[in-house]
C-alpha atoms as a PDB file:
ATOM      1  CA  UNK A   1      19.201  28.962 -31.830  1.00  0.00           C
ATOM      2  CA  UNK A   2      15.735  28.173 -33.247  1.00  0.00           C
ATOM      3  CA  UNK A   3      12.450  29.666 -32.211  1.00  0.00           C
ATOM      4  CA  UNK A   4       8.826  28.897 -32.951  1.00  0.00           C
ATOM      5  CA  UNK A   5       5.672  31.187 -32.680  1.00  0.00           C
ATOM      6  CA  UNK A   6       2.113  30.074 -31.899  1.00  0.00           C
ATOM      7  CA  UNK A   7      -0.620  32.562 -32.488  1.00  0.00           C
ATOM      8  CA  UNK A   8      -4.180  31.770 -31.049  1.00  0.00           C
ATOM      9  CA  UNK A   9      -7.548  32.948 -32.020  1.00  0.00           C
ATOM     10  CA  UNK A  10     -10.607  32.027 -34.088  1.00  0.00           C
ATOM     11  CA  UNK A  11     -10.664  35.420 -35.635  1.00  0.00           C
ATOM     12  CA  UNK A  12      -7.244  34.700 -37.058  1.00  0.00           C
ATOM     13  CA  UNK A  13      -8.425  31.501 -38.750  1.00  0.00           C
ATOM     14  CA  UNK A  14     -11.546  33.301 -40.168  1.00  0.00           C
ATOM     15  CA  UNK A  15      -9.460  36.157 -41.736  1.00  0.00           C
ATOM     16  CA  UNK A  16     -11.498  38.630 -39.632  1.00  0.00           C
ATOM     17  CA  UNK A  17      -8.221  39.651 -38.030  1.00  0.00           C
ATOM     18  CA  UNK A  18      -4.840  39.795 -39.805  1.00  0.00           C
ATOM     19  CA  UNK A  19      -2.162  38.092 -37.820  1.00  0.00           C
ATOM     20  CA  UNK A  20       0.293  40.998 -37.464  1.00  0.00           C
ATOM     21  CA  UNK A  21       1.719  39.614 -34.048  1.00  0.00           C
ATOM     22  CA  UNK A  22       3.740  36.819 -35.575  1.00  0.00           C
ATOM     23  CA  UNK A  23       5.290  38.997 -38.024  1.00  0.00           C
ATOM     24  CA  UNK A  24       6.410  41.482 -35.288  1.00  0.00           C
ATOM     25  CA  UNK A  25       7.607  38.751 -32.995  1.00  0.00           C
ATOM     26  CA  UNK A  26       9.498  37.063 -35.783  1.00  0.00           C
ATOM     27  CA  UNK A  27      11.156  40.289 -36.469  1.00  0.00           C
ATOM     28  CA  UNK A  28      12.346  40.952 -33.085  1.00  0.00           C
ATOM     29  CA  UNK A  29      13.514  37.199 -32.592  1.00  0.00           C
ATOM     30  CA  UNK A  30      15.587  37.561 -35.814  1.00  0.00           C
ATOM     31  CA  UNK A  31      17.266  40.557 -34.496  1.00  0.00           C
ATOM     32  CA  UNK A  32      18.168  38.776 -31.174  1.00  0.00           C
ATOM     33  CA  UNK A  33      19.761  35.881 -33.249  1.00  0.00           C
ATOM     34  CA  UNK A  34      16.924  33.379 -33.400  1.00  0.00           C
ATOM     35  CA  UNK A  35      16.074  31.534 -36.422  1.00  0.00           C
ATOM     36  CA  UNK A  36      12.234  31.431 -36.562  1.00  0.00           C
ATOM     37  CA  UNK A  37      11.540  27.837 -37.868  1.00  0.00           C
ATOM     38  CA  UNK A  38       7.849  27.922 -37.874  1.00  0.00           C
ATOM     39  CA  UNK A  39       4.689  30.001 -37.217  1.00  0.00           C
ATOM     40  CA  UNK A  40       1.595  28.172 -36.319  1.00  0.00           C
ATOM     41  CA  UNK A  41      -1.873  29.406 -35.673  1.00  0.00           C
ATOM     42  CA  UNK A  42      -4.850  27.587 -34.052  1.00  0.00           C
ATOM     43  CA  UNK A  43      -8.305  28.550 -32.836  1.00  0.00           C
ATOM     44  CA  UNK A  44      -9.653  29.044 -29.258  1.00  0.00           C
ATOM     45  CA  UNK A  45      -9.769  25.301 -28.466  1.00  0.00           C
ATOM     46  CA  UNK A  46      -8.187  23.754 -25.541  1.00  0.00           C
ATOM     47  CA  UNK A  47      -7.381  20.370 -27.190  1.00  0.00           C
ATOM     48  CA  UNK A  48      -6.093  21.997 -30.272  1.00  0.00           C
ATOM     49  CA  UNK A  49      -3.645  24.372 -28.287  1.00  0.00           C
ATOM     50  CA  UNK A  50      -2.477  21.380 -26.275  1.00  0.00           C
ATOM     51  CA  UNK A  51      -1.736  19.346 -29.277  1.00  0.00           C
ATOM     52  CA  UNK A  52       0.069  22.057 -31.097  1.00  0.00           C
ATOM     53  CA  UNK A  53       2.127  23.060 -27.965  1.00  0.00           C
ATOM     54  CA  UNK A  54       3.181  19.422 -27.336  1.00  0.00           C
ATOM     55  CA  UNK A  55       4.119  19.090 -31.159  1.00  0.00           C
ATOM     56  CA  UNK A  56       6.326  22.282 -30.965  1.00  0.00           C
ATOM     57  CA  UNK A  57       7.876  21.235 -27.785  1.00  0.00           C
ATOM     58  CA  UNK A  58       8.842  17.823 -29.201  1.00  0.00           C
ATOM     59  CA  UNK A  59      10.993  19.708 -31.693  1.00  0.00           C
ATOM     60  CA  UNK A  60      12.978  21.358 -28.934  1.00  0.00           C
ATOM     61  CA  UNK A  61      13.199  24.839 -30.109  1.00  0.00           C
ATOM     62  CA  UNK A  62      15.174  27.158 -27.921  1.00  0.00           C
ATOM     63  CA  UNK A  63      12.222  29.560 -27.541  1.00  0.00           C
ATOM     64  CA  UNK A  64       8.455  29.218 -28.027  1.00  0.00           C
ATOM     65  CA  UNK A  65       6.472  32.456 -28.077  1.00  0.00           C
ATOM     66  CA  UNK A  66       2.543  32.140 -27.663  1.00  0.00           C
ATOM     67  CA  UNK A  67       0.153  34.972 -28.278  1.00  0.00           C
ATOM     68  CA  UNK A  68      -3.574  35.288 -27.595  1.00  0.00           C
ATOM     69  CA  UNK A  69      -6.292  34.070 -25.615  1.00  0.00           C
ATOM     70  CA  UNK A  70      -5.433  35.580 -22.115  1.00  0.00           C
ATOM     71  CA  UNK A  71      -8.556  37.633 -21.650  1.00  0.00           C
ATOM     72  CA  UNK A  72     -11.729  37.221 -19.410  1.00  0.00           C
ATOM     73  CA  UNK A  73     -14.187  35.666 -21.823  1.00  0.00           C
ATOM     74  CA  UNK A  74     -15.115  32.084 -22.397  1.00  0.00           C
ATOM     75  CA  UNK A  75     -12.875  31.540 -25.440  1.00  0.00           C
ATOM     76  CA  UNK A  76      -9.717  32.854 -23.651  1.00  0.00           C
ATOM     77  CA  UNK A  77      -8.339  29.373 -22.697  1.00  0.00           C
ATOM     78  CA  UNK A  78      -4.639  29.575 -23.557  1.00  0.00           C
ATOM     79  CA  UNK A  79      -3.392  29.470 -20.126  1.00  0.00           C
ATOM     80  CA  UNK A  80      -5.441  26.426 -19.212  1.00  0.00           C
ATOM     81  CA  UNK A  81      -4.338  24.649 -22.458  1.00  0.00           C
ATOM     82  CA  UNK A  82      -0.638  25.472 -21.937  1.00  0.00           C
ATOM     83  CA  UNK A  83      -0.904  24.242 -18.364  1.00  0.00           C
ATOM     84  CA  UNK A  84      -2.402  21.039 -19.334  1.00  0.00           C
ATOM     85  CA  UNK A  85      -0.035  20.588 -22.176  1.00  0.00           C
ATOM     86  CA  UNK A  86       2.748  20.852 -19.617  1.00  0.00           C
ATOM     87  CA  UNK A  87       1.159  18.512 -17.176  1.00  0.00           C
ATOM     88  CA  UNK A  88       0.626  21.467 -14.662  1.00  0.00           C
ATOM     89  CA  UNK A  89      -2.245  22.921 -12.797  1.00  0.00           C
ATOM     90  CA  UNK A  90      -3.375  26.509 -13.035  1.00  0.00           C
ATOM     91  CA  UNK A  91      -3.134  28.327  -9.728  1.00  0.00           C
ATOM     92  CA  UNK A  92      -4.291  31.666  -8.530  1.00  0.00           C
ATOM     93  CA  UNK A  93      -1.585  34.245  -8.265  1.00  0.00           C
ATOM     94  CA  UNK A  94      -2.288  37.011  -5.650  1.00  0.00           C
ATOM     95  CA  UNK A  95       0.264  39.239  -7.024  1.00  0.00           C
ATOM     96  CA  UNK A  96      -1.556  39.143 -10.565  1.00  0.00           C
ATOM     97  CA  UNK A  97      -4.995  39.384  -8.922  1.00  0.00           C
ATOM     98  CA  UNK A  98      -3.650  42.659  -7.238  1.00  0.00           C
ATOM     99  CA  UNK A  99      -2.530  44.154 -10.438  1.00  0.00           C
ATOM    100  CA  UNK A 100      -5.670  43.219 -12.166  1.00  0.00           C
ATOM    101  CA  UNK A 101      -7.744  45.030  -9.529  1.00  0.00           C
ATOM    102  CA  UNK A 102      -5.550  48.113  -9.653  1.00  0.00           C
ATOM    103  CA  UNK A 103      -6.051  48.122 -13.427  1.00  0.00           C
ATOM    104  CA  UNK A 104      -9.876  48.070 -13.373  1.00  0.00           C
ATOM    105  CA  UNK A 105      -9.863  50.717 -10.521  1.00  0.00           C
ATOM    106  CA  UNK A 106      -7.812  52.994 -12.741  1.00  0.00           C
ATOM    107  CA  UNK A 107     -10.232  52.509 -15.566  1.00  0.00           C
ATOM    108  CA  UNK A 108     -13.082  53.322 -13.212  1.00  0.00           C
ATOM    109  CA  UNK A 109     -11.506  56.477 -11.928  1.00  0.00           C
ATOM    110  CA  UNK A 110     -11.044  57.578 -15.559  1.00  0.00           C
ATOM    111  CA  UNK A 111     -14.739  57.029 -16.257  1.00  0.00           C
ATOM    112  CA  UNK A 112     -14.048  54.326 -18.762  1.00  0.00           C
ATOM    113  CA  UNK A 113     -15.975  51.505 -16.872  1.00  0.00           C
ATOM    114  CA  UNK A 114     -18.827  51.743 -14.498  1.00  0.00           C
ATOM    115  CA  UNK A 115     -17.889  48.940 -11.981  1.00  0.00           C
ATOM    116  CA  UNK A 116     -14.172  48.491 -10.653  1.00  0.00           C
ATOM    117  CA  UNK A 117     -15.000  45.256  -8.603  1.00  0.00           C
ATOM    118  CA  UNK A 118     -13.363  41.972  -9.432  1.00  0.00           C
ATOM    119  CA  UNK A 119     -15.730  39.482 -10.789  1.00  0.00           C
ATOM    120  CA  UNK A 120     -15.048  35.812 -11.821  1.00  0.00           C
ATOM    121  CA  UNK A 121     -14.221  36.810 -15.381  1.00  0.00           C
ATOM    122  CA  UNK A 122     -11.643  39.201 -14.279  1.00  0.00           C
ATOM    123  CA  UNK A 123     -10.215  36.982 -11.636  1.00  0.00           C
ATOM    124  CA  UNK A 124      -9.961  34.263 -14.263  1.00  0.00           C
ATOM    125  CA  UNK A 125      -6.873  36.173 -15.781  1.00  0.00           C
ATOM    126  CA  UNK A 126      -4.996  35.768 -12.399  1.00  0.00           C
ATOM    127  CA  UNK A 127      -4.588  31.986 -12.929  1.00  0.00           C
ATOM    128  CA  UNK A 128      -1.118  30.867 -14.301  1.00  0.00           C
ATOM    129  CA  UNK A 129       0.487  27.483 -14.676  1.00  0.00           C
ATOM    130  CA  UNK A 130       2.129  26.377 -11.512  1.00  0.00           C
ATOM    131  CA  UNK A 131       5.703  27.438 -11.447  1.00  0.00           C
ATOM    132  CA  UNK A 132       5.364  30.115 -14.013  1.00  0.00           C
ATOM    133  CA  UNK A 133       6.735  33.601 -13.595  1.00  0.00           C
ATOM    134  CA  UNK A 134       4.284  36.414 -14.148  1.00  0.00           C
ATOM    135  CA  UNK A 135       5.018  38.930 -17.021  1.00  0.00           C
ATOM    136  CA  UNK A 136       3.770  42.443 -16.322  1.00  0.00           C
ATOM    137  CA  UNK A 137       1.142  43.782 -18.711  1.00  0.00           C
ATOM    138  CA  UNK A 138       1.596  47.536 -18.791  1.00  0.00           C
ATOM    139  CA  UNK A 139      -1.026  48.187 -21.460  1.00  0.00           C
ATOM    140  CA  UNK A 140      -3.892  45.847 -20.263  1.00  0.00           C
ATOM    141  CA  UNK A 141      -5.196  43.596 -17.539  1.00  0.00           C
ATOM    142  CA  UNK A 142      -4.085  40.074 -18.345  1.00  0.00           C
ATOM    143  CA  UNK A 143      -0.621  39.041 -17.202  1.00  0.00           C
ATOM    144  CA  UNK A 144       1.661  37.004 -19.404  1.00  0.00           C
ATOM    145  CA  UNK A 145       3.838  33.878 -18.236  1.00  0.00           C
ATOM    146  CA  UNK A 146       7.212  32.664 -18.547  1.00  0.00           C
ATOM    147  CA  UNK A 147       8.021  29.004 -17.973  1.00  0.00           C
ATOM    148  CA  UNK A 148      11.071  26.929 -18.722  1.00  0.00           C
ATOM    149  CA  UNK A 149      10.217  23.334 -19.805  1.00  0.00           C
ATOM    150  CA  UNK A 150      12.838  20.814 -20.576  1.00  0.00           C
ATOM    151  CA  UNK A 151      15.169  23.516 -21.945  1.00  0.00           C
ATOM    152  CA  UNK A 152      12.578  25.384 -23.901  1.00  0.00           C
ATOM    153  CA  UNK A 153      11.782  29.053 -22.767  1.00  0.00           C
ATOM    154  CA  UNK A 154       8.118  29.453 -23.181  1.00  0.00           C
ATOM    155  CA  UNK A 155       6.403  33.027 -23.175  1.00  0.00           C
ATOM    156  CA  UNK A 156       2.582  33.317 -23.085  1.00  0.00           C
ATOM    157  CA  UNK A 157       1.680  36.876 -24.289  1.00  0.00           C
ATOM    158  CA  UNK A 158      -1.803  38.572 -24.873  1.00  0.00           C
ATOM    159  CA  UNK A 159      -3.276  38.847 -28.301  1.00  0.00           C
ATOM    160  CA  UNK A 160      -3.859  42.566 -28.335  1.00  0.00           C
ATOM    161  CA  UNK A 161      -0.974  43.899 -30.447  1.00  0.00           C
ATOM    162  CA  UNK A 162      -0.444  46.961 -28.130  1.00  0.00           C
ATOM    163  CA  UNK A 163      -0.303  44.734 -25.227  1.00  0.00           C
ATOM    164  CA  UNK A 164       1.916  42.069 -26.927  1.00  0.00           C
ATOM    165  CA  UNK A 165       4.436  44.532 -28.141  1.00  0.00           C
ATOM    166  CA  UNK A 166       4.927  46.211 -24.924  1.00  0.00           C
ATOM    167  CA  UNK A 167       5.202  42.872 -22.993  1.00  0.00           C
ATOM    168  CA  UNK A 168       7.621  41.592 -25.703  1.00  0.00           C
ATOM    169  CA  UNK A 169       9.931  44.469 -25.503  1.00  0.00           C
ATOM    170  CA  UNK A 170       9.799  44.969 -21.559  1.00  0.00           C
ATOM    171  CA  UNK A 171       9.644  41.304 -20.429  1.00  0.00           C
ATOM    172  CA  UNK A 172      10.490  38.795 -22.921  1.00  0.00           C
ATOM    173  CA  UNK A 173      13.608  40.314 -25.038  1.00  0.00           C
ATOM    174  CA  UNK A 174      15.580  41.154 -21.902  1.00  0.00           C
ATOM    175  CA  UNK A 175      15.372  37.394 -20.889  1.00  0.00           C
ATOM    176  CA  UNK A 176      16.801  36.465 -24.319  1.00  0.00           C
ATOM    177  CA  UNK A 177      20.171  37.918 -23.931  1.00  0.00           C
ATOM    178  CA  UNK A 178      22.276  40.128 -26.187  1.00  0.00           C
ATOM    179  CA  UNK A 179      21.730  40.153 -29.912  1.00  0.00           C
ATOM    180  CA  UNK A 180      23.600  37.468 -31.594  1.00  0.00           C
ATOM    181  CA  UNK A 181      22.615  37.912 -35.334  1.00  0.00           C
ATOM    182  CA  UNK A 182      23.530  40.684 -37.649  1.00  0.00           C
ATOM    183  CA  UNK A 183      21.524  41.268 -40.757  1.00  0.00           C
ATOM    184  CA  UNK A 184      22.529  43.402 -43.811  1.00  0.00           C
ATOM    185  CA  UNK A 185      20.228  44.346 -46.712  1.00  0.00           C
ATOM    186  CA  UNK A 186      21.640  44.572 -49.993  1.00  0.00           C
ATOM    187  CA  UNK A 187      20.305  45.067 -53.643  1.00  0.00           C
ATOM    188  CA  UNK A 188      21.833  42.690 -56.235  1.00  0.00           C
ATOM    189  CA  UNK A 189      22.054  44.128 -59.681  1.00  0.00           C
ATOM    190  CA  UNK A 190      20.875  41.061 -61.468  1.00  0.00           C
ATOM    191  CA  UNK A 191      17.719  40.659 -63.584  1.00  0.00           C
ATOM    192  CA  UNK A 192      16.831  37.016 -63.139  1.00  0.00           C
ATOM    193  CA  UNK A 193      16.736  35.214 -59.722  1.00  0.00           C
ATOM    194  CA  UNK A 194      17.558  31.805 -61.412  1.00  0.00           C
ATOM    195  CA  UNK A 195      21.004  33.243 -62.250  1.00  0.00           C
ATOM    196  CA  UNK A 196      21.610  34.245 -58.809  1.00  0.00           C
ATOM    197  CA  UNK A 197      20.624  30.972 -57.243  1.00  0.00           C
ATOM    198  CA  UNK A 198      23.914  28.942 -58.013  1.00  0.00           C
ATOM    199  CA  UNK A 199      25.952  31.764 -56.530  1.00  0.00           C
ATOM    200  CA  UNK A 200      23.813  31.906 -53.270  1.00  0.00           C
ATOM    201  CA  UNK A 201      24.139  27.967 -53.138  1.00  0.00           C
ATOM    202  CA  UNK A 202      27.833  28.302 -53.176  1.00  0.00           C
ATOM    203  CA  UNK A 203      27.930  31.124 -50.734  1.00  0.00           C
ATOM    204  CA  UNK A 204      25.890  29.165 -48.296  1.00  0.00           C
ATOM    205  CA  UNK A 205      28.275  26.106 -48.456  1.00  0.00           C
ATOM    206  CA  UNK A 206      31.283  28.286 -48.013  1.00  0.00           C
ATOM    207  CA  UNK A 207      30.244  30.714 -45.254  1.00  0.00           C
ATOM    208  CA  UNK A 208      28.187  30.225 -42.023  1.00  0.00           C
ATOM    209  CA  UNK A 209      25.479  32.665 -43.154  1.00  0.00           C
ATOM    210  CA  UNK A 210      21.817  32.564 -43.917  1.00  0.00           C
ATOM    211  CA  UNK A 211      20.546  34.293 -46.989  1.00  0.00           C
ATOM    212  CA  UNK A 212      17.024  35.421 -47.866  1.00  0.00           C
ATOM    213  CA  UNK A 213      16.356  36.719 -51.469  1.00  0.00           C
ATOM    214  CA  UNK A 214      13.257  38.727 -52.536  1.00  0.00           C
ATOM    215  CA  UNK A 215      12.822  39.391 -56.303  1.00  0.00           C
ATOM    216  CA  UNK A 216      11.755  42.930 -57.224  1.00  0.00           C
ATOM    217  CA  UNK A 217      10.518  42.005 -60.582  1.00  0.00           C
ATOM    218  CA  UNK A 218      12.348  40.941 -63.864  1.00  0.00           C
ATOM    219  CA  UNK A 219      14.614  43.537 -65.248  1.00  0.00           C
ATOM    220  CA  UNK A 220      15.165  45.189 -61.773  1.00  0.00           C
ATOM    221  CA  UNK A 221      16.979  44.407 -58.594  1.00  0.00           C
ATOM    222  CA  UNK A 222      16.823  41.413 -56.382  1.00  0.00           C
ATOM    223  CA  UNK A 223      16.860  42.077 -52.598  1.00  0.00           C
ATOM    224  CA  UNK A 224      19.254  40.147 -50.412  1.00  0.00           C
ATOM    225  CA  UNK A 225      19.295  39.864 -46.704  1.00  0.00           C
ATOM    226  CA  UNK A 226      22.581  38.229 -45.199  1.00  0.00           C
ATOM    227  CA  UNK A 227      22.363  36.946 -41.731  1.00  0.00           C
ATOM    228  CA  UNK A 228      25.535  36.192 -39.702  1.00  0.00           C
ATOM    229  CA  UNK A 229      27.066  36.205 -36.418  1.00  0.00           C
ATOM    230  CA  UNK A 230      29.286  39.249 -37.098  1.00  0.00           C
ATOM    231  CA  UNK A 231      30.064  41.857 -39.632  1.00  0.00           C
ATOM    232  CA  UNK A 232      33.325  40.135 -40.837  1.00  0.00           C
ATOM    233  CA  UNK A 233      31.543  37.032 -41.839  1.00  0.00           C
ATOM    234  CA  UNK A 234      28.860  38.919 -43.634  1.00  0.00           C
ATOM    235  CA  UNK A 235      31.486  41.038 -45.593  1.00  0.00           C
ATOM    236  CA  UNK A 236      33.468  37.943 -46.589  1.00  0.00           C
ATOM    237  CA  UNK A 237      30.211  36.362 -47.979  1.00  0.00           C
ATOM    238  CA  UNK A 238      29.394  39.580 -49.866  1.00  0.00           C
ATOM    239  CA  UNK A 239      32.960  39.812 -51.388  1.00  0.00           C
ATOM    240  CA  UNK A 240      32.718  36.218 -52.529  1.00  0.00           C
ATOM    241  CA  UNK A 241      29.545  36.923 -54.402  1.00  0.00           C
ATOM    242  CA  UNK A 242      31.001  40.045 -55.819  1.00  0.00           C
ATOM    243  CA  UNK A 243      33.946  37.966 -57.219  1.00  0.00           C
ATOM    244  CA  UNK A 244      31.285  35.827 -58.855  1.00  0.00           C
ATOM    245  CA  UNK A 245      30.151  38.800 -60.589  1.00  0.00           C
ATOM    246  CA  UNK A 246      27.274  40.165 -58.657  1.00  0.00           C
ATOM    247  CA  UNK A 247      27.135  43.914 -58.082  1.00  0.00           C
ATOM    248  CA  UNK A 248      25.539  45.222 -54.894  1.00  0.00           C
ATOM    249  CA  UNK A 249      23.993  48.336 -53.589  1.00  0.00           C
ATOM    250  CA  UNK A 250      23.491  48.911 -49.868  1.00  0.00           C
ATOM    251  CA  UNK A 251      19.837  48.753 -48.568  1.00  0.00           C
ATOM    252  CA  UNK A 252      16.559  48.016 -50.127  1.00  0.00           C
END
């Protein structure tokens, strides 16, 4: 169950904005049992986005989550690029248009904007790739999109973290089914990661688990995260390492 993440925005490449979205998405996908194989970032360029989307799809991940570039300005080109990458047209969605109109009316009634009327920039956000399911944005104007393409589940989400997180929790994760992976954090009482390495290699060969190690500095603990399909597999892997002389404490 592999997944990939694509974040979009010139501000991410210049360092003006830290890409916290991909870390959050990766964490949630891992909890759902997906192994995030790659995270990619590109700027607000149609051809760049198209190229990367096609490259990712050629690797056949189970899930591709795209974040960023759904707003009303000239550089918000993600929906267009995704549509072209899939060989689809952009179509105006009346349901999305209605929701966008309601959103700006609510802002106007709260005194946050001076004009609630739809203009071309606002209307632009109501265009989705043909055949896509719209994803509700409870925190902003731009809808997301869900498309299945040749066995890959593609989700297109906003870049604003508040909007992205709400859409991920409410719209995306329910479509990914129940959690399949369990992760367990341990502290290994060993001072040198190089001494731990051969034991980890043996464990990986013997048990269907994945292991992440994170050194806490020489002379201290080494953090271990065990990923497995159930608690029994994780416990067997832990006991095997203990038999090899590793002492563990729970948590980090």
